[in-house]
Every structure is written in C-alpha cells, then in structure tokens.
Protein backbone atom coordinates (compact mmCIF):
# COMPACT_ATOMS: atom_id res chain seq x y z
CA MET A 1 22.83 -12.75 14.20
CA TYR A 2 22.57 -16.48 14.63
CA GLY A 3 19.73 -18.83 13.91
CA PHE A 4 19.13 -22.52 14.42
CA ASP A 5 18.60 -24.96 11.59
CA GLY A 6 18.25 -28.64 12.36
CA GLY A 7 20.21 -28.36 15.60
CA LYS A 8 23.19 -26.64 13.95
CA LEU A 9 24.14 -23.05 14.69
CA VAL A 10 23.80 -20.99 11.52
CA LYS A 11 25.22 -17.53 10.96
CA GLY A 12 23.57 -15.01 8.70
CA ARG A 13 20.26 -14.34 7.07
CA LYS A 14 19.02 -14.50 3.52
CA ARG A 15 16.42 -12.17 2.01
CA SER A 16 14.37 -13.50 -0.87
CA SER A 17 12.09 -10.97 -2.49
CA ILE A 18 9.59 -10.69 -5.31
CA VAL A 19 9.35 -7.25 -6.90
CA ASP A 20 7.40 -5.80 -9.80
CA SER A 21 8.97 -4.19 -12.87
CA LEU A 22 9.36 -0.87 -11.01
CA GLY A 23 11.23 -2.50 -8.12
CA LEU A 24 8.35 -2.19 -5.67
CA LEU A 25 8.20 -5.00 -3.16
CA LEU A 26 5.44 -7.60 -3.48
CA LYS A 27 6.72 -10.25 -1.05
CA VAL A 28 9.81 -10.83 1.07
CA ILE A 29 10.95 -13.88 3.02
CA VAL A 30 13.80 -13.70 5.54
CA SER A 31 15.40 -17.00 6.56
CA GLU A 32 18.63 -18.62 7.69
CA GLY A 33 21.71 -17.98 5.59
CA ASN A 34 22.06 -21.60 4.50
CA ALA A 35 18.53 -21.90 3.08
CA GLY A 36 18.24 -22.71 -0.62
CA GLU A 37 17.41 -19.78 -2.89
CA ARG A 38 15.02 -21.74 -5.10
CA VAL A 39 13.09 -23.11 -2.16
CA LEU A 40 12.73 -19.64 -0.64
CA ALA A 41 11.61 -18.14 -3.95
CA ALA A 42 9.03 -20.89 -4.49
CA TYR A 43 7.77 -20.42 -0.93
CA ALA A 44 7.51 -16.64 -1.39
CA LEU A 45 5.67 -17.11 -4.68
CA MET A 46 3.31 -19.63 -3.11
CA GLU A 47 2.50 -17.26 -0.22
CA LEU A 48 1.96 -14.35 -2.61
CA ALA A 49 -0.33 -16.47 -4.78
CA GLU A 50 -2.42 -17.33 -1.70
CA GLU A 51 -2.51 -13.81 -0.23
CA ARG A 52 -2.91 -11.70 -3.38
CA PRO A 53 -3.67 -13.87 -6.44
CA GLU A 54 -4.77 -10.83 -8.48
CA LEU A 55 -1.15 -9.58 -8.53
CA LEU A 56 0.04 -12.68 -10.35
CA GLU A 57 -2.79 -13.18 -12.86
CA LYS A 58 -1.14 -11.20 -15.67
CA VAL A 59 2.46 -12.33 -15.09
CA GLU A 60 3.83 -14.00 -18.21
CA VAL A 61 7.59 -13.92 -17.60
CA MET A 62 9.55 -14.01 -14.35
CA TRP A 63 13.15 -12.77 -14.58
CA VAL A 64 15.61 -14.37 -12.17
CA ASP A 65 19.38 -14.45 -11.77
CA SER A 66 21.54 -17.52 -12.30
CA GLY A 67 21.04 -18.72 -8.71
CA TYR A 68 17.51 -19.78 -9.66
CA ASP A 69 18.52 -21.74 -12.76
CA GLY A 70 17.01 -25.19 -13.02
CA ASP A 71 14.16 -27.10 -14.60
CA LYS A 72 12.46 -27.93 -11.29
CA PHE A 73 12.20 -24.27 -10.28
CA GLY A 74 10.83 -23.34 -13.70
CA LEU A 75 8.27 -26.14 -13.44
CA ALA A 76 7.25 -25.04 -9.94
CA VAL A 77 6.69 -21.47 -11.14
CA TRP A 78 4.70 -22.72 -14.13
CA LEU A 79 2.48 -24.89 -11.92
CA MET A 80 1.83 -22.03 -9.47
CA ILE A 81 1.24 -19.05 -11.78
CA GLN A 82 1.62 -20.31 -15.38
CA ALA A 83 4.59 -18.01 -16.11
CA GLN A 84 7.84 -18.71 -17.91
CA VAL A 85 11.11 -18.32 -15.99
CA GLU A 86 13.82 -16.41 -17.83
CA VAL A 87 17.29 -16.71 -16.27
CA MET A 88 19.65 -13.74 -16.72
CA HIS A 89 23.15 -15.16 -17.28
CA ARG A 90 26.42 -13.29 -17.54
CA LYS A 91 28.16 -13.95 -20.83
CA GLU A 92 31.64 -12.83 -19.75
CA LYS A 93 33.57 -12.80 -16.48
CA GLN A 94 33.97 -9.03 -16.48
CA PHE A 95 31.30 -6.65 -15.23
CA GLU A 96 28.28 -6.12 -17.44
CA VAL A 97 24.82 -4.73 -16.79
CA LEU A 98 22.30 -7.51 -17.13
CA PRO A 99 18.88 -6.44 -18.35
CA LYS A 100 16.08 -6.58 -15.76
CA ARG A 101 18.33 -8.01 -13.03
CA TRP A 102 19.20 -4.55 -11.74
CA VAL A 103 15.58 -3.99 -10.68
CA VAL A 104 15.88 -6.27 -7.63
CA GLU A 105 19.41 -5.08 -6.88
CA ARG A 106 18.16 -1.48 -6.86
CA THR A 107 15.46 -2.45 -4.37
CA PHE A 108 18.09 -3.95 -2.06
CA ALA A 109 20.13 -0.75 -2.46
CA TRP A 110 17.11 1.26 -1.27
CA PHE A 111 17.01 -0.91 1.85
CA ASN A 112 20.67 -0.16 2.65
CA GLN A 113 19.85 3.54 2.98
CA TYR A 114 18.05 2.72 6.22
CA ARG A 115 20.25 1.95 9.22
CA ARG A 116 18.00 -0.75 10.60
CA LEU A 117 18.22 -2.76 7.37
CA SER A 118 21.90 -2.14 6.63
CA LYS A 119 22.81 -4.98 9.00
CA ASP A 120 20.83 -7.75 10.60
CA TYR A 121 20.01 -6.35 14.04
CA GLU A 122 16.86 -8.37 14.57
CA TYR A 123 16.60 -11.56 16.59
CA LEU A 124 13.59 -13.00 14.74
CA PRO A 125 13.25 -13.28 10.94
CA GLU A 126 9.66 -12.06 11.25
CA MET A 127 10.90 -8.77 12.71
CA SER A 128 13.30 -8.36 9.78
CA GLU A 129 10.43 -8.92 7.35
CA ALA A 130 8.28 -6.37 9.19
CA ALA A 131 11.10 -3.81 9.08
CA ILE A 132 11.51 -4.36 5.33
CA TYR A 133 7.78 -3.87 4.74
CA ALA A 134 7.82 -0.71 6.88
CA VAL A 135 10.73 0.76 4.90
CA MET A 136 9.12 -0.14 1.57
CA THR A 137 5.87 1.47 2.71
CA ARG A 138 7.79 4.64 3.51
CA ILE A 139 9.53 4.59 0.12
CA MET A 140 6.23 4.18 -1.73
CA LEU A 141 4.51 6.93 0.31
CA ARG A 142 7.36 9.33 -0.42
CA ARG A 143 6.97 8.63 -4.13
CA LEU A 144 3.25 9.33 -3.96
CA THR A 145 3.73 12.68 -2.25
CA SER A 146 6.50 13.96 -4.51
C-alpha cells in the first residue's frame, strides 16, 4: 500500500498503539511508514487523554522500547499525563526477553492471527484503524465469554 507524504510517494504503514498491562488496546494510530515513532506516540496519547481521560488518571509509569528514547518525549508524556517514561533497553546484542516490552509485541501477534491485519490491504489509514479496533473488540468479547 502506498501513501502520500509531502508530495513524495511513501511505501508502508506504521502502527502505533497504547495498551494496558494486560495487552488490551486503548488507542491505535495508523500512519505512513516514514512517520516518526515519538510523534505518533505523543499524538496517540494526546487523543486518548482527550477522549478518555479517566483511563490515564492513575498511570504512573509508561514502558516504551528504545525507539521512544529521548528527553523531549519523556517531557511531553509528563506534561500530558504526569507519568514517568521508562525505556526498556537491551543490554546485549543476543536475544533476551525484556520485561514489560513483550506486552505490546503480544498484542501485535494477536493481530497477525487475523488475515485482514496480517498485511496492509486497506487504502485508507482510518480503515486500518477500524479493522484493528474490530479485531480487538472480538478478542476481548471472546475472553469475556470463556
């Protein structure tokens, strides 16, 4: 799928999501593949704070991977929801399980079980976001019934 960004043809999409400690989706933003991760995360957090401020009232620590490292991002999170940003870094080059980082990765793995989300079939980013919300709704309903 291709998108346009500033007159240039851009290939790919990027999903930025905010999940709770159980891996349940709170907010997702789908954008062009060349969009900055920190900007997308701040935008998603800002939208979530406007739509559902009660979800973020008790948040004290936000765990992020090394792509979100930086003082400006930490300051932006602090100004929006008064939470500390804790970056999960790898200590060695070999594989290691990082605490708390697997929660978001597991959520993305749940999405890959559904054919429509395994690849980017949608023309509009809004349709991709709607498909992600529909799949997450189905996952949560299945958990309630079992």
